[in-house]
Amino acid sequence: MKYLNKNKGFSLMEMMVVIAILAILTYIFVGPGLRWYYQYELYKEGESLSYMVTYAKNYAISNSAYTSVCASGNTITIYNNGYSSNSPCSGQMIDTHSLTNGYLSYSSPTPVSFSSRGISAQNSNICVQSSAINMYYVVCVSYAGIRETSGTGSCPSNC
């Protein structure tokens, strides 16, 4: 007659080894995954920022009016300034975009503004920065055109 083995489960030591292996694998894959997620969010907001600046330029051309893009905290706003560029962050509000993530923020040394011909009224930039991964995405506007760049550290004051 055969004896029946009643101990068919895992021992405590085997269970601890399995949990340790899962913890190590989680640590290896979650860290880079979070960084990639934060980078994705930064680039997504950077592309939205680039779209807003291009939209302001096209609006200026199609409506023969000065337009400006102003950054304030976590909000970007496009204004129609009419026939004057004296007060760039006032006038009729055209469009606005707000950040929803607490680790992203906008900054701009001066507002970006376009003449009625779509030419930049001054050299300026608008930057979105991620405090979670210490990276930035900046849209530089000059008389020559619009360009985008990104990097590590804090937002550059000029392009």
Protein backbone atom coordinates (compact mmCIF):
# COMPACT_ATOMS: atom_id res chain seq x y z
CA MET A 1 0.00 0.00 0.00
CA LYS A 2 1.29 3.40 -0.89
CA TYR A 3 1.58 6.13 1.63
CA LEU A 4 -0.20 9.36 0.79
CA ASN A 5 1.84 12.55 1.11
CA LYS A 6 -0.36 15.13 2.77
CA ASN A 7 2.18 18.00 2.48
CA LYS A 8 1.42 19.19 -1.04
CA GLY A 9 1.60 22.98 -0.46
CA PHE A 10 4.41 25.50 -0.56
CA SER A 11 6.69 25.87 2.40
CA LEU A 12 7.14 29.26 3.98
CA MET A 13 10.68 29.52 2.59
CA GLU A 14 9.54 28.82 -0.97
CA MET A 15 6.85 31.46 -0.69
CA MET A 16 9.37 34.05 0.59
CA VAL A 17 11.73 33.32 -2.33
CA VAL A 18 8.92 33.82 -4.84
CA ILE A 19 7.90 37.12 -3.21
CA ALA A 20 11.53 38.30 -3.20
CA ILE A 21 11.94 37.50 -6.91
CA LEU A 22 8.71 39.38 -7.74
CA ALA A 23 9.87 42.38 -5.69
CA ILE A 24 13.20 42.51 -7.54
CA LEU A 25 11.50 42.27 -10.94
CA THR A 26 9.03 45.00 -9.97
CA TYR A 27 11.88 47.27 -8.88
CA ILE A 28 13.73 46.68 -12.15
CA PHE A 29 10.76 47.42 -14.43
CA VAL A 30 8.69 50.04 -12.57
CA GLY A 31 11.48 52.63 -12.15
CA PRO A 32 12.19 53.14 -15.86
CA GLY A 33 8.51 52.78 -16.63
CA LEU A 34 7.65 55.78 -14.44
CA ARG A 35 10.43 57.86 -16.02
CA TRP A 36 9.13 56.99 -19.49
CA TYR A 37 5.62 57.97 -18.41
CA TYR A 38 6.80 61.36 -17.07
CA GLN A 39 8.79 61.91 -20.27
CA TYR A 40 5.73 61.06 -22.36
CA GLU A 41 3.62 63.56 -20.40
CA LEU A 42 6.28 66.27 -20.82
CA TYR A 43 6.55 65.75 -24.58
CA LYS A 44 2.78 65.59 -24.95
CA GLU A 45 2.40 68.96 -23.22
CA GLY A 46 5.34 70.30 -25.24
CA GLU A 47 3.58 69.39 -28.47
CA SER A 48 0.40 71.08 -27.19
CA LEU A 49 2.47 74.17 -26.43
CA SER A 50 3.96 74.11 -29.92
CA TYR A 51 0.47 73.79 -31.40
CA MET A 52 -0.75 76.80 -29.37
CA VAL A 53 2.14 78.98 -30.59
CA THR A 54 1.60 77.94 -34.22
CA TYR A 55 -2.13 78.52 -33.84
CA ALA A 56 -1.47 82.05 -32.53
CA LYS A 57 0.75 82.78 -35.53
CA ASN A 58 -1.86 81.48 -37.99
CA TYR A 59 -4.61 83.41 -36.20
CA ALA A 60 -2.58 86.62 -36.50
CA ILE A 61 -2.20 86.11 -40.25
CA SER A 62 -5.79 85.11 -40.97
CA ASN A 63 -7.33 87.90 -38.86
CA SER A 64 -4.76 90.66 -39.57
CA ALA A 65 -4.33 91.29 -35.87
CA TYR A 66 -1.56 91.16 -33.30
CA THR A 67 -1.74 88.05 -31.16
CA SER A 68 0.15 86.97 -28.07
CA VAL A 69 0.70 83.76 -26.13
CA CYS A 70 1.02 84.28 -22.38
CA ALA A 71 2.11 81.76 -19.75
CA SER A 72 0.75 82.10 -16.24
CA GLY A 73 1.43 79.29 -13.77
CA ASN A 74 -0.14 76.21 -15.32
CA THR A 75 -2.14 77.99 -18.05
CA ILE A 76 -1.31 79.13 -21.57
CA THR A 77 -3.63 81.74 -23.10
CA ILE A 78 -3.78 83.20 -26.62
CA TYR A 79 -4.99 86.80 -26.88
CA ASN A 80 -6.14 88.86 -29.85
CA ASN A 81 -4.51 92.25 -29.24
CA GLY A 82 -6.17 93.96 -32.19
CA TYR A 83 -4.06 96.53 -34.03
CA SER A 84 -1.64 97.25 -31.19
CA SER A 85 1.11 95.22 -29.57
CA ASN A 86 1.52 97.52 -26.55
CA SER A 87 -0.22 95.26 -24.02
CA PRO A 88 0.42 91.66 -25.08
CA CYS A 89 -1.43 89.80 -22.31
CA SER A 90 -4.74 91.59 -22.66
CA GLY A 91 -7.48 91.80 -25.22
CA GLN A 92 -9.89 89.20 -26.48
CA MET A 93 -9.06 85.69 -25.27
CA ILE A 94 -8.90 83.29 -28.21
CA ASP A 95 -7.91 79.96 -26.66
CA THR A 96 -6.52 78.59 -23.41
CA HIS A 97 -4.84 75.39 -22.30
CA SER A 98 -4.24 74.28 -18.70
CA LEU A 99 -1.90 71.64 -17.32
CA THR A 100 -3.55 68.89 -15.31
CA ASN A 101 -0.39 67.38 -13.79
CA GLY A 102 1.04 68.93 -10.63
CA TYR A 103 4.65 68.19 -11.59
CA LEU A 104 4.50 70.21 -14.85
CA SER A 105 4.64 74.01 -15.05
CA TYR A 106 4.95 76.73 -17.70
CA SER A 107 7.41 79.59 -17.69
CA SER A 108 8.14 82.43 -20.09
CA PRO A 109 10.46 85.42 -19.62
CA THR A 110 8.31 87.54 -21.96
CA PRO A 111 5.06 86.83 -23.81
CA VAL A 112 5.31 85.46 -27.34
CA SER A 113 3.63 87.84 -29.76
CA PHE A 114 3.07 87.95 -33.50
CA SER A 115 2.34 90.86 -35.83
CA SER A 116 -0.56 90.79 -38.25
CA ARG A 117 1.83 89.36 -40.88
CA GLY A 118 2.77 86.42 -38.63
CA ILE A 119 6.22 87.75 -37.83
CA SER A 120 7.42 87.52 -34.26
CA ALA A 121 7.31 90.91 -32.60
CA GLN A 122 10.26 89.92 -30.38
CA ASN A 123 12.49 86.96 -29.59
CA SER A 124 10.95 84.93 -26.78
CA ASN A 125 10.25 81.41 -25.60
CA ILE A 126 7.73 79.44 -23.60
CA CYS A 127 8.86 76.42 -21.65
CA VAL A 128 7.11 73.53 -19.93
CA GLN A 129 9.17 71.87 -17.20
CA SER A 130 8.77 68.59 -15.33
CA SER A 131 9.90 68.64 -11.73
CA ALA A 132 9.49 64.84 -11.55
CA ILE A 133 12.34 64.10 -13.98
CA ASN A 134 14.14 67.50 -14.12
CA MET A 135 13.57 67.98 -17.87
CA TYR A 136 12.12 70.75 -20.02
CA TYR A 137 10.56 71.27 -23.45
CA VAL A 138 10.89 74.77 -24.87
CA VAL A 139 9.33 76.47 -27.90
CA CYS A 140 11.62 79.25 -29.15
CA VAL A 141 10.12 82.05 -31.24
CA SER A 142 12.31 84.47 -33.16
CA TYR A 143 12.17 86.59 -36.28
CA ALA A 144 13.43 83.57 -38.24
CA GLY A 145 10.68 81.21 -37.10
CA ILE A 146 9.57 78.72 -34.45
CA ARG A 147 11.72 75.87 -33.20
CA GLU A 148 11.41 73.33 -30.41
CA THR A 149 14.03 71.76 -28.20
CA SER A 150 14.23 69.80 -24.97
CA GLY A 151 16.85 68.99 -22.39
CA THR A 152 17.65 68.33 -18.76
CA GLY A 153 17.79 70.88 -15.99
CA SER A 154 15.76 74.04 -15.70
CA CYS A 155 14.20 76.04 -18.52
CA PRO A 156 16.65 78.24 -20.42
CA SER A 157 16.05 81.98 -20.18
CA ASN A 158 16.75 82.46 -23.88
CA CYS A 159 17.11 80.27 -26.94
